[in-house]
C-alpha atoms as a PDB file:
ATOM      1  CA  UNK A   1     -20.480  22.992   8.436  1.00  0.00           C
ATOM      2  CA  UNK A   2     -17.908  20.880  10.282  1.00  0.00           C
ATOM      3  CA  UNK A   3     -15.483  19.063   8.013  1.00  0.00           C
ATOM      4  CA  UNK A   4     -15.181  15.310   8.712  1.00  0.00           C
ATOM      5  CA  UNK A   5     -11.982  14.166  10.420  1.00  0.00           C
ATOM      6  CA  UNK A   6     -10.009  11.350   8.793  1.00  0.00           C
ATOM      7  CA  UNK A   7      -7.286   9.574  10.775  1.00  0.00           C
ATOM      8  CA  UNK A   8      -4.572   7.663   8.896  1.00  0.00           C
ATOM      9  CA  UNK A   9      -2.239   5.190  10.587  1.00  0.00           C
ATOM     10  CA  UNK A  10       1.063   5.255   8.716  1.00  0.00           C
ATOM     11  CA  UNK A  11       0.392   8.729   7.307  1.00  0.00           C
ATOM     12  CA  UNK A  12       4.063   9.469   6.591  1.00  0.00           C
ATOM     13  CA  UNK A  13       4.548   6.358   4.485  1.00  0.00           C
ATOM     14  CA  UNK A  14       4.440   6.011   0.710  1.00  0.00           C
ATOM     15  CA  UNK A  15       0.699   5.405   0.370  1.00  0.00           C
ATOM     16  CA  UNK A  16      -0.287   7.289   3.528  1.00  0.00           C
ATOM     17  CA  UNK A  17       1.222  10.534   2.257  1.00  0.00           C
ATOM     18  CA  UNK A  18      -0.678  10.358  -1.027  1.00  0.00           C
ATOM     19  CA  UNK A  19      -3.888   9.466   0.806  1.00  0.00           C
ATOM     20  CA  UNK A  20      -3.450  12.489   3.066  1.00  0.00           C
ATOM     21  CA  UNK A  21      -3.126  14.737   0.000  1.00  0.00           C
ATOM     22  CA  UNK A  22      -6.192  13.121  -1.595  1.00  0.00           C
ATOM     23  CA  UNK A  23      -8.326  13.657   1.506  1.00  0.00           C
ATOM     24  CA  UNK A  24      -7.200  17.249   2.005  1.00  0.00           C
ATOM     25  CA  UNK A  25      -8.176  18.041  -1.603  1.00  0.00           C
ATOM     26  CA  UNK A  26     -11.563  16.459  -0.937  1.00  0.00           C
ATOM     27  CA  UNK A  27     -12.391  18.651   2.053  1.00  0.00           C
ATOM     28  CA  UNK A  28     -11.429  16.463   5.020  1.00  0.00           C
ATOM     29  CA  UNK A  29      -9.560  17.455   8.127  1.00  0.00           C
ATOM     30  CA  UNK A  30      -6.664  15.003   8.297  1.00  0.00           C
ATOM     31  CA  UNK A  31      -4.772  13.555  11.248  1.00  0.00           C
ATOM     32  CA  UNK A  32      -2.423  10.613  11.417  1.00  0.00           C
ATOM     33  CA  UNK A  33       0.087   8.550  13.322  1.00  0.00           C
ATOM     34  CA  UNK A  34       3.849   8.445  12.922  1.00  0.00           C
ATOM     35  CA  UNK A  35       5.977   5.604  14.273  1.00  0.00           C
ATOM     36  CA  UNK A  36       8.532   6.887  16.803  1.00  0.00           C
ATOM     37  CA  UNK A  37      11.231   8.826  14.881  1.00  0.00           C
ATOM     38  CA  UNK A  38       9.872   7.962  11.432  1.00  0.00           C
ATOM     39  CA  UNK A  39      10.981  10.477   8.746  1.00  0.00           C
ATOM     40  CA  UNK A  40       8.249  12.872   7.631  1.00  0.00           C
ATOM     41  CA  UNK A  41       9.773  14.060   4.341  1.00  0.00           C
ATOM     42  CA  UNK A  42       6.885  12.478   2.390  1.00  0.00           C
ATOM     43  CA  UNK A  43       4.443  14.896   4.019  1.00  0.00           C
ATOM     44  CA  UNK A  44       6.663  17.970   4.404  1.00  0.00           C
ATOM     45  CA  UNK A  45       4.689  19.997   1.835  1.00  0.00           C
ATOM     46  CA  UNK A  46       1.364  19.436   3.673  1.00  0.00           C
ATOM     47  CA  UNK A  47       2.603  19.092   7.254  1.00  0.00           C
ATOM     48  CA  UNK A  48       1.082  22.379   8.410  1.00  0.00           C
ATOM     49  CA  UNK A  49      -2.371  21.139   7.338  1.00  0.00           C
ATOM     50  CA  UNK A  50      -2.110  17.910   9.352  1.00  0.00           C
ATOM     51  CA  UNK A  51      -2.458  16.912  12.997  1.00  0.00           C
ATOM     52  CA  UNK A  52       0.280  14.368  13.710  1.00  0.00           C
ATOM     53  CA  UNK A  53       0.669  11.968  16.643  1.00  0.00           C
ATOM     54  CA  UNK A  54       3.444   9.587  17.635  1.00  0.00           C
ATOM     55  CA  UNK A  55       2.034   6.058  17.893  1.00  0.00           C
ATOM     56  CA  UNK A  56       3.287   2.483  17.831  1.00  0.00           C
ATOM     57  CA  UNK A  57       0.236   0.422  16.874  1.00  0.00           C
ATOM     58  CA  UNK A  58       1.430  -2.587  18.871  1.00  0.00           C
ATOM     59  CA  UNK A  59       0.859  -0.561  22.074  1.00  0.00           C
ATOM     60  CA  UNK A  60      -2.771  -1.331  22.862  1.00  0.00           C
ATOM     61  CA  UNK A  61      -3.460   1.294  25.529  1.00  0.00           C
ATOM     62  CA  UNK A  62      -1.963   4.147  23.493  1.00  0.00           C
ATOM     63  CA  UNK A  63      -4.095   3.235  20.464  1.00  0.00           C
ATOM     64  CA  UNK A  64      -7.198   3.227  22.618  1.00  0.00           C
ATOM     65  CA  UNK A  65      -6.455   6.514  24.361  1.00  0.00           C
ATOM     66  CA  UNK A  66      -5.593   8.386  21.181  1.00  0.00           C
ATOM     67  CA  UNK A  67      -8.617   7.346  19.143  1.00  0.00           C
ATOM     68  CA  UNK A  68     -10.974   7.805  22.080  1.00  0.00           C
ATOM     69  CA  UNK A  69      -9.714  11.380  22.447  1.00  0.00           C
ATOM     70  CA  UNK A  70      -9.746  12.294  18.740  1.00  0.00           C
ATOM     71  CA  UNK A  71     -13.078  10.663  17.794  1.00  0.00           C
ATOM     72  CA  UNK A  72     -12.401  10.607  14.015  1.00  0.00           C
ATOM     73  CA  UNK A  73     -15.251  10.188  11.530  1.00  0.00           C
ATOM     74  CA  UNK A  74     -13.140   7.960   9.280  1.00  0.00           C
ATOM     75  CA  UNK A  75     -10.229   5.709  10.102  1.00  0.00           C
ATOM     76  CA  UNK A  76      -7.773   4.442   7.451  1.00  0.00           C
ATOM     77  CA  UNK A  77      -5.493   1.698   8.771  1.00  0.00           C
ATOM     78  CA  UNK A  78      -2.357   1.599   6.602  1.00  0.00           C
ATOM     79  CA  UNK A  79       0.448   1.175   9.149  1.00  0.00           C
ATOM     80  CA  UNK A  80       2.108  -2.197   8.573  1.00  0.00           C
ATOM     81  CA  UNK A  81       5.269  -4.176   8.061  1.00  0.00           C
ATOM     82  CA  UNK A  82       4.793  -3.901   4.317  1.00  0.00           C
ATOM     83  CA  UNK A  83       7.636  -5.726   2.546  1.00  0.00           C
ATOM     84  CA  UNK A  84       6.915  -9.213   1.217  1.00  0.00           C
ATOM     85  CA  UNK A  85      10.609  -9.924   0.648  1.00  0.00           C
ATOM     86  CA  UNK A  86      11.761  -8.757   4.094  1.00  0.00           C
ATOM     87  CA  UNK A  87       8.910 -10.574   5.855  1.00  0.00           C
ATOM     88  CA  UNK A  88      10.658 -13.936   5.388  1.00  0.00           C
ATOM     89  CA  UNK A  89      13.551 -12.824   7.591  1.00  0.00           C
ATOM     90  CA  UNK A  90      11.273 -10.926  10.010  1.00  0.00           C
ATOM     91  CA  UNK A  91       8.353 -13.286  10.617  1.00  0.00           C
ATOM     92  CA  UNK A  92       7.625 -12.412  14.242  1.00  0.00           C
ATOM     93  CA  UNK A  93       7.798  -8.665  13.619  1.00  0.00           C
ATOM     94  CA  UNK A  94       5.527  -9.049  10.586  1.00  0.00           C
ATOM     95  CA  UNK A  95       2.869 -10.957  12.539  1.00  0.00           C
ATOM     96  CA  UNK A  96       3.107  -8.669  15.577  1.00  0.00           C
ATOM     97  CA  UNK A  97       2.703  -5.438  13.618  1.00  0.00           C
ATOM     98  CA  UNK A  98       0.224  -6.604  11.007  1.00  0.00           C
ATOM     99  CA  UNK A  99      -2.004  -8.804  13.180  1.00  0.00           C
ATOM    100  CA  UNK A 100      -1.629  -7.550  16.756  1.00  0.00           C
ATOM    101  CA  UNK A 101      -1.451  -3.945  15.536  1.00  0.00           C
ATOM    102  CA  UNK A 102      -4.653  -4.377  13.557  1.00  0.00           C
ATOM    103  CA  UNK A 103      -6.379  -5.941  16.574  1.00  0.00           C
ATOM    104  CA  UNK A 104      -5.368  -2.917  18.656  1.00  0.00           C
ATOM    105  CA  UNK A 105      -6.788  -0.510  16.069  1.00  0.00           C
ATOM    106  CA  UNK A 106     -10.038  -2.485  15.837  1.00  0.00           C
ATOM    107  CA  UNK A 107     -10.461  -2.508  19.619  1.00  0.00           C
ATOM    108  CA  UNK A 108      -9.656   1.201  19.818  1.00  0.00           C
ATOM    109  CA  UNK A 109     -12.201   1.906  17.069  1.00  0.00           C
ATOM    110  CA  UNK A 110     -14.927   0.651  19.404  1.00  0.00           C
ATOM    111  CA  UNK A 111     -14.204   3.726  21.546  1.00  0.00           C
ATOM    112  CA  UNK A 112     -15.056   6.016  18.600  1.00  0.00           C
ATOM    113  CA  UNK A 113     -18.755   6.593  19.137  1.00  0.00           C
ATOM    114  CA  UNK A 114     -19.683   8.032  15.725  1.00  0.00           C
ATOM    115  CA  UNK A 115     -17.204   6.228  13.474  1.00  0.00           C
ATOM    116  CA  UNK A 116     -18.616   6.189   9.945  1.00  0.00           C
ATOM    117  CA  UNK A 117     -16.100   3.843   8.343  1.00  0.00           C
ATOM    118  CA  UNK A 118     -12.872   1.981   9.089  1.00  0.00           C
ATOM    119  CA  UNK A 119     -10.899   1.137   5.965  1.00  0.00           C
ATOM    120  CA  UNK A 120      -8.415  -1.710   6.408  1.00  0.00           C
ATOM    121  CA  UNK A 121      -5.785  -1.790   3.673  1.00  0.00           C
ATOM    122  CA  UNK A 122      -4.541  -5.237   2.740  1.00  0.00           C
ATOM    123  CA  UNK A 123      -2.906  -6.840  -0.289  1.00  0.00           C
ATOM    124  CA  UNK A 124      -3.387  -9.213  -3.206  1.00  0.00           C
ATOM    125  CA  UNK A 125      -0.463 -11.138  -1.716  1.00  0.00           C
ATOM    126  CA  UNK A 126      -3.115 -12.769   0.481  1.00  0.00           C
ATOM    127  CA  UNK A 127      -4.180 -14.838  -2.555  1.00  0.00           C
ATOM    128  CA  UNK A 128      -0.844 -16.639  -2.701  1.00  0.00           C
ATOM    129  CA  UNK A 129      -0.959 -19.623  -5.051  1.00  0.00           C
ATOM    130  CA  UNK A 130      -4.073 -20.642  -6.983  1.00  0.00           C
ATOM    131  CA  UNK A 131      -5.176 -22.606 -10.023  1.00  0.00           C
ATOM    132  CA  UNK A 132      -5.153 -22.118 -12.859  1.00  0.00           C
ATOM    133  CA  UNK A 133      -2.170 -19.759 -12.632  1.00  0.00           C
ATOM    134  CA  UNK A 134      -2.967 -16.418 -14.223  1.00  0.00           C
ATOM    135  CA  UNK A 135      -6.740 -16.565 -13.654  1.00  0.00           C
ATOM    136  CA  UNK A 136      -8.593 -13.291 -13.237  1.00  0.00           C
ATOM    137  CA  UNK A 137      -8.994 -12.844  -9.487  1.00  0.00           C
ATOM    138  CA  UNK A 138     -12.142 -11.476  -7.865  1.00  0.00           C
ATOM    139  CA  UNK A 139     -13.020 -10.770  -4.246  1.00  0.00           C
ATOM    140  CA  UNK A 140     -14.484 -14.299  -4.034  1.00  0.00           C
ATOM    141  CA  UNK A 141     -11.112 -15.984  -4.603  1.00  0.00           C
ATOM    142  CA  UNK A 142     -10.000 -18.158  -1.661  1.00  0.00           C
ATOM    143  CA  UNK A 143      -7.032 -16.769   0.261  1.00  0.00           C
ATOM    144  CA  UNK A 144      -3.952 -19.019   0.222  1.00  0.00           C
ATOM    145  CA  UNK A 145      -0.948 -16.870   1.212  1.00  0.00           C
ATOM    146  CA  UNK A 146       2.621 -18.146   0.808  1.00  0.00           C
ATOM    147  CA  UNK A 147       4.614 -15.394   2.559  1.00  0.00           C
ATOM    148  CA  UNK A 148       4.653 -14.202   6.176  1.00  0.00           C
ATOM    149  CA  UNK A 149       3.402 -10.837   4.911  1.00  0.00           C
ATOM    150  CA  UNK A 150       0.505 -12.452   3.033  1.00  0.00           C
ATOM    151  CA  UNK A 151      -0.354 -14.658   6.017  1.00  0.00           C
ATOM    152  CA  UNK A 152      -0.384 -11.693   8.397  1.00  0.00           C
ATOM    153  CA  UNK A 153      -2.665  -9.682   6.122  1.00  0.00           C
ATOM    154  CA  UNK A 154      -5.028 -12.600   5.425  1.00  0.00           C
ATOM    155  CA  UNK A 155      -5.571 -13.233   9.129  1.00  0.00           C
ATOM    156  CA  UNK A 156      -5.920  -9.515   9.828  1.00  0.00           C
ATOM    157  CA  UNK A 157      -8.661  -9.400   7.162  1.00  0.00           C
ATOM    158  CA  UNK A 158     -10.529 -12.158   8.960  1.00  0.00           C
ATOM    159  CA  UNK A 159     -10.109 -10.276  12.219  1.00  0.00           C
ATOM    160  CA  UNK A 160     -11.679  -7.175  10.635  1.00  0.00           C
ATOM    161  CA  UNK A 161     -14.655  -9.131   9.325  1.00  0.00           C
ATOM    162  CA  UNK A 162     -15.121 -10.785  12.719  1.00  0.00           C
ATOM    163  CA  UNK A 163     -15.249  -7.377  14.430  1.00  0.00           C
ATOM    164  CA  UNK A 164     -17.793  -6.190  11.878  1.00  0.00           C
ATOM    165  CA  UNK A 165     -20.037  -9.195  12.577  1.00  0.00           C
ATOM    166  CA  UNK A 166     -19.476  -9.377  16.349  1.00  0.00           C
ATOM    167  CA  UNK A 167     -19.306  -5.706  17.305  1.00  0.00           C
ATOM    168  CA  UNK A 168     -20.843  -3.892  14.359  1.00  0.00           C
ATOM    169  CA  UNK A 169     -17.595  -2.058  13.573  1.00  0.00           C
ATOM    170  CA  UNK A 170     -18.163  -0.385  10.165  1.00  0.00           C
ATOM    171  CA  UNK A 171     -15.023  -1.922   8.638  1.00  0.00           C
ATOM    172  CA  UNK A 172     -14.417  -2.483   4.935  1.00  0.00           C
ATOM    173  CA  UNK A 173     -11.432  -4.255   3.383  1.00  0.00           C
ATOM    174  CA  UNK A 174      -9.391  -2.623   0.615  1.00  0.00           C
ATOM    175  CA  UNK A 175      -7.432  -5.386  -1.120  1.00  0.00           C
ATOM    176  CA  UNK A 176      -4.872  -3.613  -3.274  1.00  0.00           C
ATOM    177  CA  UNK A 177      -2.778  -5.120  -6.056  1.00  0.00           C
ATOM    178  CA  UNK A 178       0.711  -3.816  -6.849  1.00  0.00           C
ATOM    179  CA  UNK A 179       0.965  -0.048  -7.068  1.00  0.00           C
ATOM    180  CA  UNK A 180       3.900   2.280  -7.533  1.00  0.00           C
ATOM    181  CA  UNK A 181       4.882   5.921  -7.809  1.00  0.00           C
ATOM    182  CA  UNK A 182       7.162   8.550  -6.282  1.00  0.00           C
ATOM    183  CA  UNK A 183       8.167   8.118  -2.604  1.00  0.00           C
ATOM    184  CA  UNK A 184       7.984   4.311  -2.663  1.00  0.00           C
ATOM    185  CA  UNK A 185      10.685   2.504  -0.696  1.00  0.00           C
ATOM    186  CA  UNK A 186      13.552   0.952  -2.657  1.00  0.00           C
ATOM    187  CA  UNK A 187      12.711  -2.493  -1.237  1.00  0.00           C
ATOM    188  CA  UNK A 188      10.020  -2.683  -3.950  1.00  0.00           C
ATOM    189  CA  UNK A 189      10.875  -3.591  -7.512  1.00  0.00           C
ATOM    190  CA  UNK A 190      10.056  -0.411  -9.473  1.00  0.00           C
ATOM    191  CA  UNK A 191      11.814   2.041  -7.126  1.00  0.00           C
ATOM    192  CA  UNK A 192      14.703  -0.439  -6.827  1.00  0.00           C
ATOM    193  CA  UNK A 193      15.176  -0.210 -10.610  1.00  0.00           C
ATOM    194  CA  UNK A 194      14.588   3.548 -10.680  1.00  0.00           C
ATOM    195  CA  UNK A 195      17.103   4.244  -7.910  1.00  0.00           C
ATOM    196  CA  UNK A 196      19.787   2.207  -9.653  1.00  0.00           C
ATOM    197  CA  UNK A 197      19.179   3.946 -12.980  1.00  0.00           C
ATOM    198  CA  UNK A 198      19.320   7.371 -11.312  1.00  0.00           C
ATOM    199  CA  UNK A 199      22.539   6.379  -9.494  1.00  0.00           C
ATOM    200  CA  UNK A 200      24.106   5.269 -12.780  1.00  0.00           C
ATOM    201  CA  UNK A 201      23.104   8.540 -14.462  1.00  0.00           C
ATOM    202  CA  UNK A 202      24.685  10.465 -11.578  1.00  0.00           C
ATOM    203  CA  UNK A 203      27.930   8.497 -11.878  1.00  0.00           C
ATOM    204  CA  UNK A 204      27.467   6.904  -8.446  1.00  0.00           C
ATOM    205  CA  UNK A 205      27.109   3.331  -9.740  1.00  0.00           C
ATOM    206  CA  UNK A 206      28.723   1.456 -12.608  1.00  0.00           C
ATOM    207  CA  UNK A 207      26.397   1.068 -15.639  1.00  0.00           C
ATOM    208  CA  UNK A 208      25.004  -2.265 -14.515  1.00  0.00           C
ATOM    209  CA  UNK A 209      21.591  -2.836 -12.927  1.00  0.00           C
ATOM    210  CA  UNK A 210      21.037  -5.722 -10.491  1.00  0.00           C
ATOM    211  CA  UNK A 211      17.723  -7.574 -10.926  1.00  0.00           C
ATOM    212  CA  UNK A 212      15.824 -10.557  -9.560  1.00  0.00           C
ATOM    213  CA  UNK A 213      13.053 -12.559 -11.244  1.00  0.00           C
ATOM    214  CA  UNK A 214      11.951 -10.704 -14.382  1.00  0.00           C
ATOM    215  CA  UNK A 215       9.366 -13.241 -15.565  1.00  0.00           C
ATOM    216  CA  UNK A 216       6.704 -12.530 -12.929  1.00  0.00           C
ATOM    217  CA  UNK A 217       3.615 -10.706 -14.206  1.00  0.00           C
ATOM    218  CA  UNK A 218       1.936  -8.108 -12.026  1.00  0.00           C
ATOM    219  CA  UNK A 219      -1.243  -6.051 -12.150  1.00  0.00           C
ATOM    220  CA  UNK A 220       0.249  -2.569 -11.770  1.00  0.00           C
ATOM    221  CA  UNK A 221      -1.494   0.672 -10.810  1.00  0.00           C
ATOM    222  CA  UNK A 222      -0.437   4.174  -9.877  1.00  0.00           C
ATOM    223  CA  UNK A 223      -0.581   4.986  -6.149  1.00  0.00           C
ATOM    224  CA  UNK A 224      -2.576   8.146  -6.945  1.00  0.00           C
ATOM    225  CA  UNK A 225      -5.348   6.034  -8.468  1.00  0.00           C
ATOM    226  CA  UNK A 226      -5.301   3.613  -5.546  1.00  0.00           C
ATOM    227  CA  UNK A 227      -5.742   6.289  -2.864  1.00  0.00           C
ATOM    228  CA  UNK A 228      -8.609   7.716  -4.873  1.00  0.00           C
ATOM    229  CA  UNK A 229     -10.218   4.309  -4.467  1.00  0.00           C
ATOM    230  CA  UNK A 230      -9.671   4.375  -0.713  1.00  0.00           C
ATOM    231  CA  UNK A 231     -11.414   7.758  -0.507  1.00  0.00           C
ATOM    232  CA  UNK A 232     -14.389   6.381  -2.446  1.00  0.00           C
ATOM    233  CA  UNK A 233     -14.462   3.373  -0.150  1.00  0.00           C
ATOM    234  CA  UNK A 234     -14.900   5.628   2.868  1.00  0.00           C
ATOM    235  CA  UNK A 235     -17.974   7.201   1.267  1.00  0.00           C
ATOM    236  CA  UNK A 236     -19.613   4.250  -0.458  1.00  0.00           C
ATOM    237  CA  UNK A 237     -18.044   0.994   0.745  1.00  0.00           C
ATOM    238  CA  UNK A 238     -20.331  -1.504   2.458  1.00  0.00           C
ATOM    239  CA  UNK A 239     -19.229  -2.673   5.931  1.00  0.00           C
ATOM    240  CA  UNK A 240     -18.225  -6.329   5.970  1.00  0.00           C
ATOM    241  CA  UNK A 241     -17.300  -6.269   2.276  1.00  0.00           C
ATOM    242  CA  UNK A 242     -13.947  -6.535   0.474  1.00  0.00           C
ATOM    243  CA  UNK A 243     -13.051  -4.483  -2.598  1.00  0.00           C
ATOM    244  CA  UNK A 244     -10.157  -4.977  -4.995  1.00  0.00           C
ATOM    245  CA  UNK A 245      -8.191  -2.017  -6.313  1.00  0.00           C
ATOM    246  CA  UNK A 246      -6.235  -2.805  -9.442  1.00  0.00           C
ATOM    247  CA  UNK A 247      -5.986  -2.044 -13.159  1.00  0.00           C
ATOM    248  CA  UNK A 248      -6.903  -5.445 -14.614  1.00  0.00           C
ATOM    249  CA  UNK A 249      -3.767  -5.283 -16.805  1.00  0.00           C
ATOM    250  CA  UNK A 250      -0.553  -7.219 -16.200  1.00  0.00           C
ATOM    251  CA  UNK A 251       3.029  -6.521 -17.199  1.00  0.00           C
ATOM    252  CA  UNK A 252       6.100  -8.695 -16.841  1.00  0.00           C
ATOM    253  CA  UNK A 253       8.795  -7.225 -14.641  1.00  0.00           C
ATOM    254  CA  UNK A 254      11.089  -7.447 -17.674  1.00  0.00           C
ATOM    255  CA  UNK A 255       8.710  -5.130 -19.581  1.00  0.00           C
ATOM    256  CA  UNK A 256       8.694  -2.657 -16.696  1.00  0.00           C
ATOM    257  CA  UNK A 257      12.500  -2.670 -16.677  1.00  0.00           C
ATOM    258  CA  UNK A 258      12.589  -2.218 -20.464  1.00  0.00           C
ATOM    259  CA  UNK A 259      10.320   0.847 -20.233  1.00  0.00           C
ATOM    260  CA  UNK A 260      12.408   2.355 -17.436  1.00  0.00           C
ATOM    261  CA  UNK A 261      15.648   1.824 -19.352  1.00  0.00           C
ATOM    262  CA  UNK A 262      14.140   3.584 -22.381  1.00  0.00           C
ATOM    263  CA  UNK A 263      13.535   6.643 -20.191  1.00  0.00           C
ATOM    264  CA  UNK A 264      17.267   6.922 -19.494  1.00  0.00           C
ATOM    265  CA  UNK A 265      19.974   8.255 -21.842  1.00  0.00           C
ATOM    266  CA  UNK A 266      22.513   5.920 -20.200  1.00  0.00           C
ATOM    267  CA  UNK A 267      23.616   2.579 -21.668  1.00  0.00           C
ATOM    268  CA  UNK A 268      22.982   0.055 -18.905  1.00  0.00           C
ATOM    269  CA  UNK A 269      23.675  -3.679 -18.678  1.00  0.00           C
ATOM    270  CA  UNK A 270      21.274  -5.985 -16.831  1.00  0.00           C
ATOM    271  CA  UNK A 271      22.678  -8.560 -14.399  1.00  0.00           C
ATOM    272  CA  UNK A 272      20.779 -11.107 -12.286  1.00  0.00           C
ATOM    273  CA  UNK A 273      21.459 -10.972  -8.551  1.00  0.00           C
ATOM    274  CA  UNK A 274      20.504 -14.358  -7.088  1.00  0.00           C
ATOM    275  CA  UNK A 275      19.978 -12.820  -3.640  1.00  0.00           C
ATOM    276  CA  UNK A 276      16.983 -10.964  -5.107  1.00  0.00           C
ATOM    277  CA  UNK A 277      15.211 -14.201  -6.164  1.00  0.00           C
ATOM    278  CA  UNK A 278      12.362 -15.550  -3.988  1.00  0.00           C
ATOM    279  CA  UNK A 279      11.487 -19.230  -3.623  1.00  0.00           C
ATOM    280  CA  UNK A 280       7.759 -18.529  -3.266  1.00  0.00           C
ATOM    281  CA  UNK A 281       7.305 -15.828  -5.897  1.00  0.00           C
ATOM    282  CA  UNK A 282       3.765 -15.843  -7.334  1.00  0.00           C
ATOM    283  CA  UNK A 283       4.110 -16.057 -11.151  1.00  0.00           C
ATOM    284  CA  UNK A 284       1.039 -14.014 -12.154  1.00  0.00           C
ATOM    285  CA  UNK A 285      -1.308 -11.681 -10.253  1.00  0.00           C
ATOM    286  CA  UNK A 286      -4.181 -10.145 -12.186  1.00  0.00           C
ATOM    287  CA  UNK A 287      -7.306  -8.725 -10.604  1.00  0.00           C
ATOM    288  CA  UNK A 288     -10.769  -7.567 -11.561  1.00  0.00           C
ATOM    289  CA  UNK A 289     -11.766  -4.094 -10.381  1.00  0.00           C
ATOM    290  CA  UNK A 290     -15.365  -4.560 -11.546  1.00  0.00           C
ATOM    291  CA  UNK A 291     -16.894  -4.420  -8.052  1.00  0.00           C
ATOM    292  CA  UNK A 292     -15.044  -1.193  -7.175  1.00  0.00           C
ATOM    293  CA  UNK A 293     -15.992   0.362 -10.514  1.00  0.00           C
ATOM    294  CA  UNK A 294     -19.673  -0.551 -10.266  1.00  0.00           C
ATOM    295  CA  UNK A 295     -20.273   0.119  -6.561  1.00  0.00           C
ATOM    296  CA  UNK A 296     -17.838   2.958  -5.881  1.00  0.00           C
ATOM    297  CA  UNK A 297     -17.232   4.642  -9.226  1.00  0.00           C
ATOM    298  CA  UNK A 298     -13.522   3.738  -9.112  1.00  0.00           C
ATOM    299  CA  UNK A 299     -11.499   4.678 -12.197  1.00  0.00           C
ATOM    300  CA  UNK A 300      -7.823   4.593 -13.195  1.00  0.00           C
ATOM    301  CA  UNK A 301      -6.287   7.715 -14.773  1.00  0.00           C
ATOM    302  CA  UNK A 302      -2.544   7.107 -14.849  1.00  0.00           C
ATOM    303  CA  UNK A 303      -0.786   5.117 -17.577  1.00  0.00           C
ATOM    304  CA  UNK A 304       2.193   2.932 -16.665  1.00  0.00           C
ATOM    305  CA  UNK A 305       4.648   5.142 -18.555  1.00  0.00           C
ATOM    306  CA  UNK A 306       3.552   8.159 -16.502  1.00  0.00           C
ATOM    307  CA  UNK A 307       3.994   6.252 -13.240  1.00  0.00           C
ATOM    308  CA  UNK A 308       7.468   5.079 -14.253  1.00  0.00           C
ATOM    309  CA  UNK A 309       8.507   8.552 -15.451  1.00  0.00           C
ATOM    310  CA  UNK A 310       7.403  10.203 -12.208  1.00  0.00           C
ATOM    311  CA  UNK A 311       9.117   7.493 -10.131  1.00  0.00           C
ATOM    312  CA  UNK A 312      12.404   7.810 -12.024  1.00  0.00           C
ATOM    313  CA  UNK A 313      12.324  11.606 -11.764  1.00  0.00           C
ATOM    314  CA  UNK A 314      11.706  11.325  -8.028  1.00  0.00           C
ATOM    315  CA  UNK A 315      14.851   9.225  -7.606  1.00  0.00           C
ATOM    316  CA  UNK A 316      16.842  11.526  -9.873  1.00  0.00           C
ATOM    317  CA  UNK A 317      15.948  14.465  -7.633  1.00  0.00           C
ATOM    318  CA  UNK A 318      16.574  12.462  -4.453  1.00  0.00           C
ATOM    319  CA  UNK A 319      20.020  11.320  -5.544  1.00  0.00           C
ATOM    320  CA  UNK A 320      21.115  14.646  -7.030  1.00  0.00           C
ATOM    321  CA  UNK A 321      19.815  16.436  -3.927  1.00  0.00           C
END
């Protein structure tokens, strides 16, 4: 029996690499796109099992030609300008990649004659500010983004739902809350801490860690749980629907830092770096995963300590290597 083909945009990225591993374990053939000369170290161990293609998603004709030729059964759209913090200084690039790129993928998907599901990965940053602060968020919460990244993803979500209604594209929206793990870029808070701790342990940095706002509370999950949710969404998700992927538990960034510091034998001072503070930081993000649990069978397996340990060990190996 022919194995289904899954195509992942952004396959060499943090989440894309874990999703590729998840799908391979589950019996899919896996292909994906890489942006120009993007490093592929995240997928080096599985590279021989993948079909890889160079693609810039802002190039409309190339998206169309590639997907028309491959005819995947499932399409996971992860490629994006993904940093909230960097999006403020790169507004036009953020909108072009995240909105125009998504439009190109949606239009190209119409050339895939037997597409079973298109999974669009977005973010809880689309919620922005809301009242009361700290409320438990569900898929019915109004979107009110306060960052260029959040704005780009919110409008791309609406674009996906429009294509589902107008053209019958079998698209579902995966709205993920914060997730972490090995391979994540240092522009995100947990790997930023982990890299600094590993550098201090290796004697490459003085025993002082630079931090931003530690009071924010975030719903944190392990990337390996999140990609398991994306796989379930391909099988059971309902077109035109949005699903949240989160743990339902929040931690202050100060608690995350405390746990990471306890994993290190080094004595490290904490110092605030004002350049790391954001004017529009959302104080609390906490989501309900009830819909994903009930409709998809989504479950979380990894505890926060395990995620932090694996992330710190990844950076220890990277720096020592």
